[in-house]
Amino acid sequence: MAISRNIVNLMNGNIKVESTLHKGTKITVTIYLELQEKEKEQDRNLMNLPVLVVDDDKTCCESTVATLKEIGITGEWVLSGREAVERCYAHHELK
């Protein structure tokens, strides 16, 4: 709880704790954030860029590419640095 309180304080927010014996605890966190309209515009520019995920863990690669797909970014994955270099060379030869 102390760590959470410190993080919320750093974000200029507050934490309210209400506890009732034998009933439970209610924790309310309030933080104020600004909308970031410009980031959305930048994200659209990123959607057209190819992403190559490189990791020796197939599950990690698959989940990363799936997460990218959820936000509209197309990605591919390879399991080694050698494959990554080969894929990059092949990509640039196509252009």
C-alpha atoms as a PDB file:
ATOM      1  CA  MET A   1       0.000   0.000   0.000  1.00  0.00           C
ATOM      2  CA  ALA A   2       2.873   2.372   0.752  1.00  0.00           C
ATOM      3  CA  ILE A   3       4.312   1.898  -2.732  1.00  0.00           C
ATOM      4  CA  SER A   4       0.912   2.556  -4.328  1.00  0.00           C
ATOM      5  CA  ARG A   5       0.478   5.685  -2.204  1.00  0.00           C
ATOM      6  CA  ASN A   6       3.885   6.993  -3.293  1.00  0.00           C
ATOM      7  CA  ILE A   7       3.126   6.391  -6.976  1.00  0.00           C
ATOM      8  CA  VAL A   8      -0.259   8.108  -6.707  1.00  0.00           C
ATOM      9  CA  ASN A   9       1.324  11.034  -4.828  1.00  0.00           C
ATOM     10  CA  LEU A  10       3.916  11.405  -7.592  1.00  0.00           C
ATOM     11  CA  MET A  11       1.010  11.682 -10.031  1.00  0.00           C
ATOM     12  CA  ASN A  12      -0.589  14.435  -7.899  1.00  0.00           C
ATOM     13  CA  GLY A  13      -3.463  12.142  -6.965  1.00  0.00           C
ATOM     14  CA  ASN A  14      -4.839  10.711  -3.775  1.00  0.00           C
ATOM     15  CA  ILE A  15      -5.921   7.424  -2.222  1.00  0.00           C
ATOM     16  CA  LYS A  16      -8.940   7.069   0.029  1.00  0.00           C
ATOM     17  CA  VAL A  17      -9.328   3.933   2.153  1.00  0.00           C
ATOM     18  CA  GLU A  18     -12.626   2.969   3.793  1.00  0.00           C
ATOM     19  CA  SER A  19     -12.638  -0.170   5.918  1.00  0.00           C
ATOM     20  CA  THR A  20     -15.439  -1.834   7.843  1.00  0.00           C
ATOM     21  CA  LEU A  21     -14.754  -4.715  10.196  1.00  0.00           C
ATOM     22  CA  HIS A  22     -16.089  -8.043   8.860  1.00  0.00           C
ATOM     23  CA  LYS A  23     -17.344  -6.279   5.729  1.00  0.00           C
ATOM     24  CA  GLY A  24     -14.284  -5.352   3.706  1.00  0.00           C
ATOM     25  CA  THR A  25     -12.167  -2.506   2.456  1.00  0.00           C
ATOM     26  CA  LYS A  26     -12.865  -0.019  -0.306  1.00  0.00           C
ATOM     27  CA  ILE A  27      -9.867   1.726  -1.870  1.00  0.00           C
ATOM     28  CA  THR A  28     -10.450   4.676  -4.191  1.00  0.00           C
ATOM     29  CA  VAL A  29      -7.588   6.072  -6.266  1.00  0.00           C
ATOM     30  CA  THR A  30      -8.026   9.443  -7.967  1.00  0.00           C
ATOM     31  CA  ILE A  31      -5.563  10.814 -10.508  1.00  0.00           C
ATOM     32  CA  TYR A  32      -6.087  13.537 -13.071  1.00  0.00           C
ATOM     33  CA  LEU A  33      -4.692  12.986 -16.540  1.00  0.00           C
ATOM     34  CA  GLU A  34      -4.707  15.170 -19.627  1.00  0.00           C
ATOM     35  CA  LEU A  35      -5.969  13.845 -22.935  1.00  0.00           C
ATOM     36  CA  GLN A  36      -3.148  13.330 -25.396  1.00  0.00           C
ATOM     37  CA  GLU A  37      -4.646  14.095 -28.810  1.00  0.00           C
ATOM     38  CA  LYS A  38      -1.272  14.490 -30.532  1.00  0.00           C
ATOM     39  CA  GLU A  39      -0.180  10.981 -29.556  1.00  0.00           C
ATOM     40  CA  LYS A  40      -3.104   9.507 -31.472  1.00  0.00           C
ATOM     41  CA  GLU A  41      -1.879  11.300 -34.581  1.00  0.00           C
ATOM     42  CA  GLN A  42       1.635   9.953 -34.066  1.00  0.00           C
ATOM     43  CA  ASP A  43       0.274   6.447 -33.526  1.00  0.00           C
ATOM     44  CA  ARG A  44      -1.415   6.559 -36.934  1.00  0.00           C
ATOM     45  CA  ASN A  45       1.963   7.277 -38.509  1.00  0.00           C
ATOM     46  CA  LEU A  46       3.455   4.263 -36.732  1.00  0.00           C
ATOM     47  CA  MET A  47       0.757   1.917 -38.029  1.00  0.00           C
ATOM     48  CA  ASN A  48       2.259   1.999 -41.512  1.00  0.00           C
ATOM     49  CA  LEU A  49       5.711   0.935 -40.334  1.00  0.00           C
ATOM     50  CA  PRO A  50       6.695  -2.738 -40.337  1.00  0.00           C
ATOM     51  CA  VAL A  51       7.717  -4.195 -36.984  1.00  0.00           C
ATOM     52  CA  LEU A  52      10.060  -7.136 -36.561  1.00  0.00           C
ATOM     53  CA  VAL A  53      10.000  -8.819 -33.158  1.00  0.00           C
ATOM     54  CA  VAL A  54      13.159 -10.783 -32.334  1.00  0.00           C
ATOM     55  CA  ASP A  55      13.325 -13.162 -29.387  1.00  0.00           C
ATOM     56  CA  ASP A  56      14.398 -16.731 -28.781  1.00  0.00           C
ATOM     57  CA  ASP A  57      11.072 -17.432 -27.048  1.00  0.00           C
ATOM     58  CA  LYS A  58       8.345 -18.274 -29.568  1.00  0.00           C
ATOM     59  CA  THR A  59       5.537 -17.578 -27.099  1.00  0.00           C
ATOM     60  CA  CYS A  60       6.939 -14.126 -26.346  1.00  0.00           C
ATOM     61  CA  CYS A  61       7.156 -13.344 -30.066  1.00  0.00           C
ATOM     62  CA  GLU A  62       3.614 -14.514 -30.740  1.00  0.00           C
ATOM     63  CA  SER A  63       2.126 -12.561 -27.850  1.00  0.00           C
ATOM     64  CA  THR A  64       4.026  -9.398 -28.780  1.00  0.00           C
ATOM     65  CA  VAL A  65       2.845  -9.565 -32.393  1.00  0.00           C
ATOM     66  CA  ALA A  66      -0.713 -10.230 -31.182  1.00  0.00           C
ATOM     67  CA  THR A  67      -0.540  -7.182 -28.904  1.00  0.00           C
ATOM     68  CA  LEU A  68       0.754  -5.036 -31.760  1.00  0.00           C
ATOM     69  CA  LYS A  69      -2.107  -6.266 -33.949  1.00  0.00           C
ATOM     70  CA  GLU A  70      -4.626  -5.192 -31.294  1.00  0.00           C
ATOM     71  CA  ILE A  71      -3.434  -1.595 -31.624  1.00  0.00           C
ATOM     72  CA  GLY A  72      -3.351  -1.718 -35.422  1.00  0.00           C
ATOM     73  CA  ILE A  73       0.343  -2.372 -36.046  1.00  0.00           C
ATOM     74  CA  THR A  74       1.446  -5.196 -38.327  1.00  0.00           C
ATOM     75  CA  GLY A  75       4.327  -7.232 -37.007  1.00  0.00           C
ATOM     76  CA  GLU A  76       6.331 -10.315 -37.853  1.00  0.00           C
ATOM     77  CA  TRP A  77       8.636 -12.324 -35.639  1.00  0.00           C
ATOM     78  CA  VAL A  78      11.802 -14.387 -35.847  1.00  0.00           C
ATOM     79  CA  LEU A  79      13.619 -16.490 -33.285  1.00  0.00           C
ATOM     80  CA  SER A  80      17.236 -15.412 -33.826  1.00  0.00           C
ATOM     81  CA  GLY A  81      19.448 -12.470 -34.607  1.00  0.00           C
ATOM     82  CA  ARG A  82      20.596 -14.177 -37.805  1.00  0.00           C
ATOM     83  CA  GLU A  83      16.999 -14.511 -39.009  1.00  0.00           C
ATOM     84  CA  ALA A  84      16.373 -10.868 -38.116  1.00  0.00           C
ATOM     85  CA  VAL A  85      19.317  -9.670 -40.205  1.00  0.00           C
ATOM     86  CA  GLU A  86      18.249 -11.872 -43.126  1.00  0.00           C
ATOM     87  CA  ARG A  87      14.672 -10.567 -42.894  1.00  0.00           C
ATOM     88  CA  CYS A  88      15.903  -6.950 -42.815  1.00  0.00           C
ATOM     89  CA  TYR A  89      18.100  -7.479 -45.870  1.00  0.00           C
ATOM     90  CA  ALA A  90      15.220  -9.135 -47.722  1.00  0.00           C
ATOM     91  CA  HIS A  91      12.873  -6.289 -46.785  1.00  0.00           C
ATOM     92  CA  HIS A  92      15.273  -3.638 -48.080  1.00  0.00           C
ATOM     93  CA  GLU A  93      15.924  -5.548 -51.312  1.00  0.00           C
ATOM     94  CA  LEU A  94      12.191  -5.425 -52.067  1.00  0.00           C
ATOM     95  CA  LYS A  95      12.210  -1.620 -51.960  1.00  0.00           C
END
